[in-house]
Amino acid sequence: MGLRHDGFGMVAGMETGGGGLPWVGIAANAHSGRGAGRLRVERLVRELRSRGLAVRVGWTPAERSAMVAEAGRDPGCRCLVAAGGDGTVAALVNERPEVPVTVLPAGTENLFARHFGLRGTPAQVADTIAHGRVARIDLGQVSGRRFALMAGIGFDADVVTRHHLARLGEAGRMRPTRRVAYVEPVLRASFGYRFPSLTVAIADPGREETLVGSTAFVFNLPRYALGLPFVPKALGDDGWLDLIVFRDPGALPALRYLWLVFRGIHLDRPGVSHRRVRRLSVTCPEPAPVQLDGDPGGAIILGDEGHPWTIETLPRVLGVVVPSSYAFAAG
């Protein structure tokens, strides 16, 4: 599903500023996915330089933050590249860049990159930066933290949190991972998660509704891990988020819902609610874990309705450099 072109034109036409070489910043994660990040970054640097672009690389959070700040001040910055997986994209997005971003995929799922057709080699990514176009997309926001893909509350967030903790090394450094590493967290969550009841209050202007369930998702883009099509018709630039609430608690219902999603027949089944929303709040009588773009996002701790956990859409706040062949939606 495409996005509308924002009218910025070809990325290669951006001003360099100051008479110097235009430059590209790379926010790099050497430990993404199976650990192939560093080699791919080195290849991308060579490809960009061969196209007449200067390159700056930030390997640490502090270096990334400084680079994003410099990009916002310097009109010569062509774009910023998230070199890693969806977690690296999320970290860059939460620096609130003022210039467009793109992705050199080196993670496990690479959902963001796959959605925008950014699946190629470093040479192909360099061509996209030199000749691509810019799409502007929405983001979701929770307590000041932004997400591009989805937020999850409940069972799946418990799995994500368990997997994240298992990846942490003794020095607090994330180890590379792969899909099979999720098997143990899924099994442990199936036996250990309590499935507390979530109350989801939709608070769009002119419409109010309350849904109750055991697990909730809020999608900005259509797909989840393994490419599961949770909301096949979701658009990333329409000002809306897609809410899905699974009603029934327990590991067996959770597996049944997963099977329905896999078959693409979940949206019209009993026990599954789907709404398009701009703003919602969630309360829970006991702590419920949250994940944002596949990483732990804390927990809903207070059941007090005076302090709900709130999510909202931020329309078209992020520019994404996409291939020139990318199919923008009509409109």
C-alpha atoms as a PDB file:
ATOM      1  CA  MET A   1       0.000   0.000   0.000  1.00  0.00           C
ATOM      2  CA  GLY A   2       1.570   3.263  -1.125  1.00  0.00           C
ATOM      3  CA  LEU A   3       1.763   6.726   0.351  1.00  0.00           C
ATOM      4  CA  ARG A   4       1.129  10.064  -1.280  1.00  0.00           C
ATOM      5  CA  HIS A   5       4.076  11.993  -2.673  1.00  0.00           C
ATOM      6  CA  ASP A   6       4.552  15.165  -0.661  1.00  0.00           C
ATOM      7  CA  GLY A   7       5.679  17.305  -3.561  1.00  0.00           C
ATOM      8  CA  PHE A   8       9.330  17.680  -2.436  1.00  0.00           C
ATOM      9  CA  GLY A   9      10.529  16.230  -5.734  1.00  0.00           C
ATOM     10  CA  MET A  10      13.743  14.323  -6.279  1.00  0.00           C
ATOM     11  CA  VAL A  11      16.000  13.973  -3.254  1.00  0.00           C
ATOM     12  CA  ALA A  12      19.018  14.621  -5.484  1.00  0.00           C
ATOM     13  CA  GLY A  13      17.762  18.162  -6.045  1.00  0.00           C
ATOM     14  CA  MET A  14      18.182  19.273  -2.429  1.00  0.00           C
ATOM     15  CA  GLU A  15      20.539  22.179  -1.758  1.00  0.00           C
ATOM     16  CA  THR A  16      23.985  21.317  -0.405  1.00  0.00           C
ATOM     17  CA  GLY A  17      24.410  24.519   1.600  1.00  0.00           C
ATOM     18  CA  GLY A  18      27.622  26.373   2.261  1.00  0.00           C
ATOM     19  CA  GLY A  19      29.187  25.366  -1.058  1.00  0.00           C
ATOM     20  CA  GLY A  20      30.482  22.079   0.376  1.00  0.00           C
ATOM     21  CA  LEU A  21      29.637  18.478  -0.413  1.00  0.00           C
ATOM     22  CA  PRO A  22      26.148  17.356   0.558  1.00  0.00           C
ATOM     23  CA  TRP A  23      26.369  14.798   3.333  1.00  0.00           C
ATOM     24  CA  VAL A  24      24.481  11.809   4.675  1.00  0.00           C
ATOM     25  CA  GLY A  25      24.356  10.823   8.333  1.00  0.00           C
ATOM     26  CA  ILE A  26      24.235   7.147   9.283  1.00  0.00           C
ATOM     27  CA  ALA A  27      22.812   6.102  12.655  1.00  0.00           C
ATOM     28  CA  ALA A  28      24.394   2.672  12.879  1.00  0.00           C
ATOM     29  CA  ASN A  29      23.791  -0.399  15.026  1.00  0.00           C
ATOM     30  CA  ALA A  30      26.475  -3.064  14.726  1.00  0.00           C
ATOM     31  CA  HIS A  31      24.405  -5.510  16.784  1.00  0.00           C
ATOM     32  CA  SER A  32      21.141  -5.492  14.802  1.00  0.00           C
ATOM     33  CA  GLY A  33      19.626  -8.782  13.718  1.00  0.00           C
ATOM     34  CA  ARG A  34      22.375 -11.365  13.250  1.00  0.00           C
ATOM     35  CA  GLY A  35      25.180  -8.863  13.725  1.00  0.00           C
ATOM     36  CA  ALA A  36      25.829  -7.956  10.060  1.00  0.00           C
ATOM     37  CA  GLY A  37      25.371  -4.241  10.647  1.00  0.00           C
ATOM     38  CA  ARG A  38      29.008  -3.059  10.671  1.00  0.00           C
ATOM     39  CA  LEU A  39      29.963  -4.663   7.350  1.00  0.00           C
ATOM     40  CA  ARG A  40      26.866  -3.272   5.614  1.00  0.00           C
ATOM     41  CA  VAL A  41      27.571   0.216   6.967  1.00  0.00           C
ATOM     42  CA  GLU A  42      31.141   0.116   5.647  1.00  0.00           C
ATOM     43  CA  ARG A  43      29.843  -0.852   2.211  1.00  0.00           C
ATOM     44  CA  LEU A  44      27.216   1.913   2.289  1.00  0.00           C
ATOM     45  CA  VAL A  45      29.860   4.505   3.183  1.00  0.00           C
ATOM     46  CA  ARG A  46      31.905   3.482   0.129  1.00  0.00           C
ATOM     47  CA  GLU A  47      28.853   3.582  -2.145  1.00  0.00           C
ATOM     48  CA  LEU A  48      27.781   7.030  -0.957  1.00  0.00           C
ATOM     49  CA  ARG A  49      31.275   8.482  -1.352  1.00  0.00           C
ATOM     50  CA  SER A  50      31.464   7.096  -4.874  1.00  0.00           C
ATOM     51  CA  ARG A  51      28.344   9.171  -5.624  1.00  0.00           C
ATOM     52  CA  GLY A  52      29.916  12.396  -4.429  1.00  0.00           C
ATOM     53  CA  LEU A  53      28.357  12.433  -0.957  1.00  0.00           C
ATOM     54  CA  ALA A  54      30.183  13.020   2.291  1.00  0.00           C
ATOM     55  CA  VAL A  55      29.302  10.640   5.134  1.00  0.00           C
ATOM     56  CA  ARG A  56      29.114  10.869   8.912  1.00  0.00           C
ATOM     57  CA  VAL A  57      28.516   7.755  11.031  1.00  0.00           C
ATOM     58  CA  GLY A  58      27.222   7.608  14.595  1.00  0.00           C
ATOM     59  CA  TRP A  59      27.659   4.277  16.377  1.00  0.00           C
ATOM     60  CA  THR A  60      26.590   5.335  19.872  1.00  0.00           C
ATOM     61  CA  PRO A  61      23.403   7.056  21.124  1.00  0.00           C
ATOM     62  CA  ALA A  62      25.431  10.187  21.948  1.00  0.00           C
ATOM     63  CA  GLU A  63      26.965  10.275  18.461  1.00  0.00           C
ATOM     64  CA  ARG A  64      23.543   9.714  16.907  1.00  0.00           C
ATOM     65  CA  SER A  65      21.990  12.573  18.884  1.00  0.00           C
ATOM     66  CA  ALA A  66      24.795  14.969  17.946  1.00  0.00           C
ATOM     67  CA  MET A  67      24.487  13.995  14.279  1.00  0.00           C
ATOM     68  CA  VAL A  68      20.711  14.514  14.218  1.00  0.00           C
ATOM     69  CA  ALA A  69      21.107  17.926  15.829  1.00  0.00           C
ATOM     70  CA  GLU A  70      23.767  18.917  13.287  1.00  0.00           C
ATOM     71  CA  ALA A  71      21.531  17.722  10.416  1.00  0.00           C
ATOM     72  CA  GLY A  72      18.776  20.027  11.627  1.00  0.00           C
ATOM     73  CA  ARG A  73      21.143  23.017  11.484  1.00  0.00           C
ATOM     74  CA  ASP A  74      22.937  22.210   8.235  1.00  0.00           C
ATOM     75  CA  PRO A  75      21.007  22.496   4.929  1.00  0.00           C
ATOM     76  CA  GLY A  76      23.723  20.377   3.321  1.00  0.00           C
ATOM     77  CA  CYS A  77      22.419  17.204   5.017  1.00  0.00           C
ATOM     78  CA  ARG A  78      20.727  15.087   2.351  1.00  0.00           C
ATOM     79  CA  CYS A  79      19.122  12.639   4.794  1.00  0.00           C
ATOM     80  CA  LEU A  80      19.743  10.374   7.782  1.00  0.00           C
ATOM     81  CA  VAL A  81      20.011   6.595   7.462  1.00  0.00           C
ATOM     82  CA  ALA A  82      18.958   4.102  10.126  1.00  0.00           C
ATOM     83  CA  ALA A  83      21.429   1.247   9.588  1.00  0.00           C
ATOM     84  CA  GLY A  84      19.926  -1.652  11.511  1.00  0.00           C
ATOM     85  CA  GLY A  85      16.538  -3.111  12.302  1.00  0.00           C
ATOM     86  CA  ASP A  86      13.218  -1.640  13.348  1.00  0.00           C
ATOM     87  CA  GLY A  87      14.644  -0.775  16.765  1.00  0.00           C
ATOM     88  CA  THR A  88      17.319   1.365  15.104  1.00  0.00           C
ATOM     89  CA  VAL A  89      14.635   3.094  13.031  1.00  0.00           C
ATOM     90  CA  ALA A  90      12.630   3.766  16.194  1.00  0.00           C
ATOM     91  CA  ALA A  91      15.677   5.205  17.975  1.00  0.00           C
ATOM     92  CA  LEU A  92      16.316   7.574  15.067  1.00  0.00           C
ATOM     93  CA  VAL A  93      12.653   8.569  14.818  1.00  0.00           C
ATOM     94  CA  ASN A  94      12.662   9.447  18.518  1.00  0.00           C
ATOM     95  CA  GLU A  95      15.504  11.883  17.969  1.00  0.00           C
ATOM     96  CA  ARG A  96      12.828  13.868  16.041  1.00  0.00           C
ATOM     97  CA  PRO A  97      14.930  14.520  12.926  1.00  0.00           C
ATOM     98  CA  GLU A  98      14.131  17.581  10.857  1.00  0.00           C
ATOM     99  CA  VAL A  99      15.476  16.022   7.650  1.00  0.00           C
ATOM    100  CA  PRO A 100      14.171  12.934   5.816  1.00  0.00           C
ATOM    101  CA  VAL A 101      15.244   9.463   6.910  1.00  0.00           C
ATOM    102  CA  THR A 102      15.742   6.184   5.110  1.00  0.00           C
ATOM    103  CA  VAL A 103      16.924   2.676   6.045  1.00  0.00           C
ATOM    104  CA  LEU A 104      19.778   0.294   5.391  1.00  0.00           C
ATOM    105  CA  PRO A 105      18.058  -2.862   6.668  1.00  0.00           C
ATOM    106  CA  ALA A 106      20.198  -5.098   8.885  1.00  0.00           C
ATOM    107  CA  GLY A 107      17.676  -6.390  11.424  1.00  0.00           C
ATOM    108  CA  THR A 108      15.536  -9.450  11.983  1.00  0.00           C
ATOM    109  CA  GLU A 109      12.167  -8.278  10.612  1.00  0.00           C
ATOM    110  CA  ASN A 110      12.907  -4.937   8.909  1.00  0.00           C
ATOM    111  CA  LEU A 111       9.190  -4.140   8.722  1.00  0.00           C
ATOM    112  CA  PHE A 112       9.688  -0.414   8.168  1.00  0.00           C
ATOM    113  CA  ALA A 113      12.215  -0.946   5.382  1.00  0.00           C
ATOM    114  CA  ARG A 114      10.120  -3.629   3.682  1.00  0.00           C
ATOM    115  CA  HIS A 115       7.019  -1.432   3.708  1.00  0.00           C
ATOM    116  CA  PHE A 116       8.834   1.261   1.715  1.00  0.00           C
ATOM    117  CA  GLY A 117      10.628  -1.111  -0.641  1.00  0.00           C
ATOM    118  CA  LEU A 118      14.015  -0.554   1.034  1.00  0.00           C
ATOM    119  CA  ARG A 119      15.185  -4.164   0.856  1.00  0.00           C
ATOM    120  CA  GLY A 120      18.287  -3.774  -1.254  1.00  0.00           C
ATOM    121  CA  THR A 121      22.034  -3.867  -1.021  1.00  0.00           C
ATOM    122  CA  PRO A 122      24.085  -0.892   0.191  1.00  0.00           C
ATOM    123  CA  ALA A 123      24.519   0.095  -3.468  1.00  0.00           C
ATOM    124  CA  GLN A 124      20.755   0.136  -3.992  1.00  0.00           C
ATOM    125  CA  VAL A 125      20.222   2.154  -0.820  1.00  0.00           C
ATOM    126  CA  ALA A 126      22.826   4.652  -2.027  1.00  0.00           C
ATOM    127  CA  ASP A 127      20.951   4.929  -5.357  1.00  0.00           C
ATOM    128  CA  THR A 128      17.726   5.576  -3.437  1.00  0.00           C
ATOM    129  CA  ILE A 129      19.398   8.385  -1.485  1.00  0.00           C
ATOM    130  CA  ALA A 130      20.748   9.906  -4.713  1.00  0.00           C
ATOM    131  CA  HIS A 131      17.644   9.509  -6.877  1.00  0.00           C
ATOM    132  CA  GLY A 132      14.658   8.680  -4.673  1.00  0.00           C
ATOM    133  CA  ARG A 133      11.679  10.704  -3.533  1.00  0.00           C
ATOM    134  CA  VAL A 134      10.354  11.808  -0.165  1.00  0.00           C
ATOM    135  CA  ALA A 135       7.080  10.614   1.382  1.00  0.00           C
ATOM    136  CA  ARG A 136       5.720  12.177   4.544  1.00  0.00           C
ATOM    137  CA  ILE A 137       4.163   9.777   7.027  1.00  0.00           C
ATOM    138  CA  ASP A 138       2.271   9.854  10.302  1.00  0.00           C
ATOM    139  CA  LEU A 139       3.678   8.647  13.588  1.00  0.00           C
ATOM    140  CA  GLY A 140       2.011   7.526  16.798  1.00  0.00           C
ATOM    141  CA  GLN A 141       2.977   9.039  20.132  1.00  0.00           C
ATOM    142  CA  VAL A 142       2.803   7.725  23.701  1.00  0.00           C
ATOM    143  CA  SER A 143       3.961   9.928  26.593  1.00  0.00           C
ATOM    144  CA  GLY A 144       6.353  11.757  24.299  1.00  0.00           C
ATOM    145  CA  ARG A 145       7.756   8.569  22.733  1.00  0.00           C
ATOM    146  CA  ARG A 146       7.028   8.057  19.032  1.00  0.00           C
ATOM    147  CA  PHE A 147       6.426   4.900  17.022  1.00  0.00           C
ATOM    148  CA  ALA A 148       6.292   4.294  13.267  1.00  0.00           C
ATOM    149  CA  LEU A 149       4.985   0.717  13.091  1.00  0.00           C
ATOM    150  CA  MET A 150       2.762  -0.205  16.013  1.00  0.00           C
ATOM    151  CA  ALA A 151       2.132  -0.252  19.732  1.00  0.00           C
ATOM    152  CA  GLY A 152       1.090  -3.420  21.551  1.00  0.00           C
ATOM    153  CA  ILE A 153      -0.406  -3.770  25.017  1.00  0.00           C
ATOM    154  CA  GLY A 154      -0.696  -7.111  26.802  1.00  0.00           C
ATOM    155  CA  PHE A 155       0.447 -10.581  25.794  1.00  0.00           C
ATOM    156  CA  ASP A 156       2.619  -9.676  22.803  1.00  0.00           C
ATOM    157  CA  ALA A 157       4.330  -6.920  24.796  1.00  0.00           C
ATOM    158  CA  ASP A 158       5.145  -9.473  27.496  1.00  0.00           C
ATOM    159  CA  VAL A 159       6.806 -11.658  24.848  1.00  0.00           C
ATOM    160  CA  VAL A 160       8.752  -8.672  23.493  1.00  0.00           C
ATOM    161  CA  THR A 161       9.939  -7.734  26.983  1.00  0.00           C
ATOM    162  CA  ARG A 162      11.086 -11.294  27.767  1.00  0.00           C
ATOM    163  CA  HIS A 163      12.945 -11.514  24.447  1.00  0.00           C
ATOM    164  CA  HIS A 164      14.594  -8.137  25.034  1.00  0.00           C
ATOM    165  CA  LEU A 165      15.840  -9.154  28.491  1.00  0.00           C
ATOM    166  CA  ALA A 166      17.211 -12.414  27.073  1.00  0.00           C
ATOM    167  CA  ARG A 167      19.262 -10.429  24.515  1.00  0.00           C
ATOM    168  CA  LEU A 168      20.994  -8.268  27.107  1.00  0.00           C
ATOM    169  CA  GLY A 169      24.596  -9.268  27.727  1.00  0.00           C
ATOM    170  CA  GLU A 170      26.479  -8.852  30.983  1.00  0.00           C
ATOM    171  CA  ALA A 171      27.641  -5.359  29.974  1.00  0.00           C
ATOM    172  CA  GLY A 172      24.131  -4.327  29.023  1.00  0.00           C
ATOM    173  CA  ARG A 173      24.922  -4.613  25.303  1.00  0.00           C
ATOM    174  CA  MET A 174      22.312  -6.168  23.016  1.00  0.00           C
ATOM    175  CA  ARG A 175      23.326  -9.491  21.460  1.00  0.00           C
ATOM    176  CA  PRO A 176      22.341 -10.322  17.856  1.00  0.00           C
ATOM    177  CA  THR A 177      19.088 -12.235  17.507  1.00  0.00           C
ATOM    178  CA  ARG A 178      17.008 -14.253  15.069  1.00  0.00           C
ATOM    179  CA  ARG A 179      13.377 -15.323  14.800  1.00  0.00           C
ATOM    180  CA  VAL A 180      13.838 -18.659  16.549  1.00  0.00           C
ATOM    181  CA  ALA A 181      14.894 -16.736  19.667  1.00  0.00           C
ATOM    182  CA  TYR A 182      11.234 -15.781  20.185  1.00  0.00           C
ATOM    183  CA  VAL A 183      10.135 -19.377  20.800  1.00  0.00           C
ATOM    184  CA  GLU A 184      11.198 -19.503  24.453  1.00  0.00           C
ATOM    185  CA  PRO A 185       9.686 -16.066  25.358  1.00  0.00           C
ATOM    186  CA  VAL A 186       6.397 -17.094  23.734  1.00  0.00           C
ATOM    187  CA  LEU A 187       6.288 -20.319  25.751  1.00  0.00           C
ATOM    188  CA  ARG A 188       7.184 -18.556  29.007  1.00  0.00           C
ATOM    189  CA  ALA A 189       4.610 -15.832  28.418  1.00  0.00           C
ATOM    190  CA  SER A 190       1.952 -18.448  27.604  1.00  0.00           C
ATOM    191  CA  PHE A 191       2.366 -19.940  31.077  1.00  0.00           C
ATOM    192  CA  GLY A 192       3.271 -16.803  33.034  1.00  0.00           C
ATOM    193  CA  TYR A 193       1.236 -13.879  31.690  1.00  0.00           C
ATOM    194  CA  ARG A 194      -1.932 -13.073  33.677  1.00  0.00           C
ATOM    195  CA  PHE A 195      -3.976 -11.407  30.871  1.00  0.00           C
ATOM    196  CA  PRO A 196      -5.420  -8.521  32.926  1.00  0.00           C
ATOM    197  CA  SER A 197      -8.440  -6.776  31.401  1.00  0.00           C
ATOM    198  CA  LEU A 198      -7.705  -3.680  29.301  1.00  0.00           C
ATOM    199  CA  THR A 199     -10.227  -0.854  28.954  1.00  0.00           C
ATOM    200  CA  VAL A 200      -9.675   1.094  25.743  1.00  0.00           C
ATOM    201  CA  ALA A 201     -11.482   4.434  25.448  1.00  0.00           C
ATOM    202  CA  ILE A 202     -11.621   5.984  21.969  1.00  0.00           C
ATOM    203  CA  ALA A 203     -11.616   9.757  22.267  1.00  0.00           C
ATOM    204  CA  ASP A 204     -11.765  11.101  18.710  1.00  0.00           C
ATOM    205  CA  PRO A 205     -13.640  14.392  18.340  1.00  0.00           C
ATOM    206  CA  GLY A 206     -17.266  13.643  17.689  1.00  0.00           C
ATOM    207  CA  ARG A 207     -17.112   9.948  18.598  1.00  0.00           C
ATOM    208  CA  GLU A 208     -16.570   8.103  21.848  1.00  0.00           C
ATOM    209  CA  GLU A 209     -16.518   4.368  22.454  1.00  0.00           C
ATOM    210  CA  THR A 210     -15.130   1.978  25.063  1.00  0.00           C
ATOM    211  CA  LEU A 211     -13.803  -1.495  24.258  1.00  0.00           C
ATOM    212  CA  VAL A 212     -12.681  -4.156  26.739  1.00  0.00           C
ATOM    213  CA  GLY A 213     -10.229  -6.929  25.924  1.00  0.00           C
ATOM    214  CA  SER A 214      -7.105  -8.836  26.900  1.00  0.00           C
ATOM    215  CA  THR A 215      -4.690  -7.554  24.243  1.00  0.00           C
ATOM    216  CA  ALA A 216      -4.682  -4.380  22.155  1.00  0.00           C
ATOM    217  CA  PHE A 217      -2.681  -3.187  19.161  1.00  0.00           C
ATOM    218  CA  VAL A 218      -2.459   0.246  17.552  1.00  0.00           C
ATOM    219  CA  PHE A 219      -1.025   0.183  14.024  1.00  0.00           C
ATOM    220  CA  ASN A 220       0.376   2.979  11.893  1.00  0.00           C
ATOM    221  CA  LEU A 221       1.654   0.653   9.139  1.00  0.00           C
ATOM    222  CA  PRO A 222      -0.038  -2.615   8.102  1.00  0.00           C
ATOM    223  CA  ARG A 223       2.195  -5.464   9.238  1.00  0.00           C
ATOM    224  CA  TYR A 224       3.516  -7.143  12.363  1.00  0.00           C
ATOM    225  CA  ALA A 225       6.427  -9.572  12.907  1.00  0.00           C
ATOM    226  CA  LEU A 226       6.706 -12.391  10.353  1.00  0.00           C
ATOM    227  CA  GLY A 227       4.932 -10.045   7.945  1.00  0.00           C
ATOM    228  CA  LEU A 228       1.567 -10.825   9.521  1.00  0.00           C
ATOM    229  CA  PRO A 229      -1.097  -8.622   7.864  1.00  0.00           C
ATOM    230  CA  PHE A 230      -2.855  -7.244  10.929  1.00  0.00           C
ATOM    231  CA  VAL A 231      -4.371  -4.280   9.048  1.00  0.00           C
ATOM    232  CA  PRO A 232      -3.777  -4.842   5.313  1.00  0.00           C
ATOM    233  CA  LYS A 233      -5.423  -1.561   4.262  1.00  0.00           C
ATOM    234  CA  ALA A 234      -3.683   0.673   6.795  1.00  0.00           C
ATOM    235  CA  LEU A 235      -2.085   3.808   5.361  1.00  0.00           C
ATOM    236  CA  GLY A 236       0.799   5.592   6.996  1.00  0.00           C
ATOM    237  CA  ASP A 237      -0.131   9.097   5.912  1.00  0.00           C
ATOM    238  CA  ASP A 238      -3.893   9.465   6.396  1.00  0.00           C
ATOM    239  CA  GLY A 239      -3.892  10.935   9.921  1.00  0.00           C
ATOM    240  CA  TRP A 240      -5.437   7.782  11.429  1.00  0.00           C
ATOM    241  CA  LEU A 241      -4.228   4.833  13.485  1.00  0.00           C
ATOM    242  CA  ASP A 242      -5.785   1.364  13.362  1.00  0.00           C
ATOM    243  CA  LEU A 243      -6.862  -0.114  16.701  1.00  0.00           C
ATOM    244  CA  ILE A 244      -7.360  -3.865  17.125  1.00  0.00           C
ATOM    245  CA  VAL A 245      -8.622  -5.317  20.411  1.00  0.00           C
ATOM    246  CA  PHE A 246      -8.674  -9.065  21.102  1.00  0.00           C
ATOM    247  CA  ARG A 247     -11.348  -9.767  23.689  1.00  0.00           C
ATOM    248  CA  ASP A 248     -10.706 -13.206  25.192  1.00  0.00           C
ATOM    249  CA  PRO A 249      -7.852 -13.836  27.677  1.00  0.00           C
ATOM    250  CA  GLY A 250      -5.588 -16.854  27.846  1.00  0.00           C
ATOM    251  CA  ALA A 251      -2.831 -18.510  25.837  1.00  0.00           C
ATOM    252  CA  LEU A 252      -5.155 -20.666  23.720  1.00  0.00           C
ATOM    253  CA  PRO A 253      -7.330 -17.724  22.585  1.00  0.00           C
ATOM    254  CA  ALA A 254      -4.124 -15.780  21.862  1.00  0.00           C
ATOM    255  CA  LEU A 255      -2.896 -18.582  19.600  1.00  0.00           C
ATOM    256  CA  ARG A 256      -6.320 -18.746  17.930  1.00  0.00           C
ATOM    257  CA  TYR A 257      -6.211 -15.004  17.218  1.00  0.00           C
ATOM    258  CA  LEU A 258      -2.705 -15.411  15.788  1.00  0.00           C
ATOM    259  CA  TRP A 259      -3.948 -18.180  13.480  1.00  0.00           C
ATOM    260  CA  LEU A 260      -6.817 -15.974  12.286  1.00  0.00           C
ATOM    261  CA  VAL A 261      -4.368 -13.148  11.555  1.00  0.00           C
ATOM    262  CA  PHE A 262      -2.089 -15.538   9.676  1.00  0.00           C
ATOM    263  CA  ARG A 263      -5.055 -16.526   7.489  1.00  0.00           C
ATOM    264  CA  GLY A 264      -6.125 -12.896   7.076  1.00  0.00           C
ATOM    265  CA  ILE A 265      -9.653 -13.486   8.391  1.00  0.00           C
ATOM    266  CA  HIS A 266      -9.473 -11.931  11.865  1.00  0.00           C
ATOM    267  CA  LEU A 267     -11.063  -8.524  11.302  1.00  0.00           C
ATOM    268  CA  ASP A 268     -14.619  -9.848  10.876  1.00  0.00           C
ATOM    269  CA  ARG A 269     -14.528 -12.518  13.606  1.00  0.00           C
ATOM    270  CA  PRO A 270     -16.308 -12.463  17.005  1.00  0.00           C
ATOM    271  CA  GLY A 271     -14.047 -11.296  19.798  1.00  0.00           C
ATOM    272  CA  VAL A 272     -12.009  -9.020  17.497  1.00  0.00           C
ATOM    273  CA  SER A 273     -12.720  -5.271  17.314  1.00  0.00           C
ATOM    274  CA  HIS A 274     -11.190  -2.988  14.682  1.00  0.00           C
ATOM    275  CA  ARG A 275     -11.524   0.798  14.741  1.00  0.00           C
ATOM    276  CA  ARG A 276      -9.755   3.694  13.018  1.00  0.00           C
ATOM    277  CA  VAL A 277      -8.812   6.287  15.620  1.00  0.00           C
ATOM    278  CA  ARG A 278      -6.862   9.485  16.175  1.00  0.00           C
ATOM    279  CA  ARG A 279      -6.648   9.338  19.952  1.00  0.00           C
ATOM    280  CA  LEU A 280      -7.348   6.710  22.613  1.00  0.00           C
ATOM    281  CA  SER A 281      -6.536   5.899  26.214  1.00  0.00           C
ATOM    282  CA  VAL A 282      -5.984   2.587  27.988  1.00  0.00           C
ATOM    283  CA  THR A 283      -6.442   1.690  31.640  1.00  0.00           C
ATOM    284  CA  CYS A 284      -5.836  -1.571  33.455  1.00  0.00           C
ATOM    285  CA  PRO A 285      -6.424  -2.720  37.071  1.00  0.00           C
ATOM    286  CA  GLU A 286      -2.869  -4.132  37.272  1.00  0.00           C
ATOM    287  CA  PRO A 287       0.404  -3.573  35.413  1.00  0.00           C
ATOM    288  CA  ALA A 288       0.224  -4.424  31.702  1.00  0.00           C
ATOM    289  CA  PRO A 289       3.346  -4.372  29.517  1.00  0.00           C
ATOM    290  CA  VAL A 290       3.654  -2.169  26.429  1.00  0.00           C
ATOM    291  CA  GLN A 291       5.811  -2.568  23.328  1.00  0.00           C
ATOM    292  CA  LEU A 292       6.539   0.128  20.737  1.00  0.00           C
ATOM    293  CA  ASP A 293       7.893  -0.904  17.339  1.00  0.00           C
ATOM    294  CA  GLY A 294       8.978  -4.255  18.753  1.00  0.00           C
ATOM    295  CA  ASP A 295      10.886  -2.917  21.770  1.00  0.00           C
ATOM    296  CA  PRO A 296       9.738  -2.688  25.414  1.00  0.00           C
ATOM    297  CA  GLY A 297       7.782   0.501  26.041  1.00  0.00           C
ATOM    298  CA  GLY A 298       7.208   0.299  29.778  1.00  0.00           C
ATOM    299  CA  ALA A 299       3.905  -0.642  31.345  1.00  0.00           C
ATOM    300  CA  ILE A 300       0.450   0.671  32.096  1.00  0.00           C
ATOM    301  CA  ILE A 301       0.701   0.880  35.857  1.00  0.00           C
ATOM    302  CA  LEU A 302      -2.210   2.977  37.066  1.00  0.00           C
ATOM    303  CA  GLY A 303      -5.790   1.776  36.768  1.00  0.00           C
ATOM    304  CA  ASP A 304      -6.985   5.198  37.848  1.00  0.00           C
ATOM    305  CA  GLU A 305      -9.048   6.646  35.004  1.00  0.00           C
ATOM    306  CA  GLY A 306      -7.759  10.084  35.930  1.00  0.00           C
ATOM    307  CA  HIS A 307      -4.293   8.979  34.724  1.00  0.00           C
ATOM    308  CA  PRO A 308      -4.870   6.890  31.588  1.00  0.00           C
ATOM    309  CA  TRP A 309      -2.154   5.757  29.195  1.00  0.00           C
ATOM    310  CA  THR A 310      -2.845   7.802  26.054  1.00  0.00           C
ATOM    311  CA  ILE A 311      -1.845   7.361  22.420  1.00  0.00           C
ATOM    312  CA  GLU A 312      -2.385   9.809  19.569  1.00  0.00           C
ATOM    313  CA  THR A 313      -1.476  10.283  15.935  1.00  0.00           C
ATOM    314  CA  LEU A 314       0.974  12.905  14.678  1.00  0.00           C
ATOM    315  CA  PRO A 315      -0.009  13.538  11.047  1.00  0.00           C
ATOM    316  CA  ARG A 316       2.745  13.552   8.396  1.00  0.00           C
ATOM    317  CA  VAL A 317       5.573  14.583  10.723  1.00  0.00           C
ATOM    318  CA  LEU A 318       8.317  12.362   9.257  1.00  0.00           C
ATOM    319  CA  GLY A 319       9.882  12.427   5.797  1.00  0.00           C
ATOM    320  CA  VAL A 320      11.045   9.079   4.371  1.00  0.00           C
ATOM    321  CA  VAL A 321      13.325   8.748   1.341  1.00  0.00           C
ATOM    322  CA  VAL A 322      11.856   5.981  -0.831  1.00  0.00           C
ATOM    323  CA  PRO A 323      12.907   4.491  -4.194  1.00  0.00           C
ATOM    324  CA  SER A 324      11.821   6.403  -7.294  1.00  0.00           C
ATOM    325  CA  SER A 325       9.844   3.298  -8.281  1.00  0.00           C
ATOM    326  CA  TYR A 326       7.853   3.314  -5.046  1.00  0.00           C
ATOM    327  CA  ALA A 327       4.090   3.347  -5.693  1.00  0.00           C
ATOM    328  CA  PHE A 328       2.541   6.372  -4.029  1.00  0.00           C
ATOM    329  CA  ALA A 329      -1.186   6.132  -3.429  1.00  0.00           C
ATOM    330  CA  ALA A 330      -3.436   8.326  -5.496  1.00  0.00           C
ATOM    331  CA  GLY A 331      -4.608  11.505  -3.813  1.00  0.00           C
END
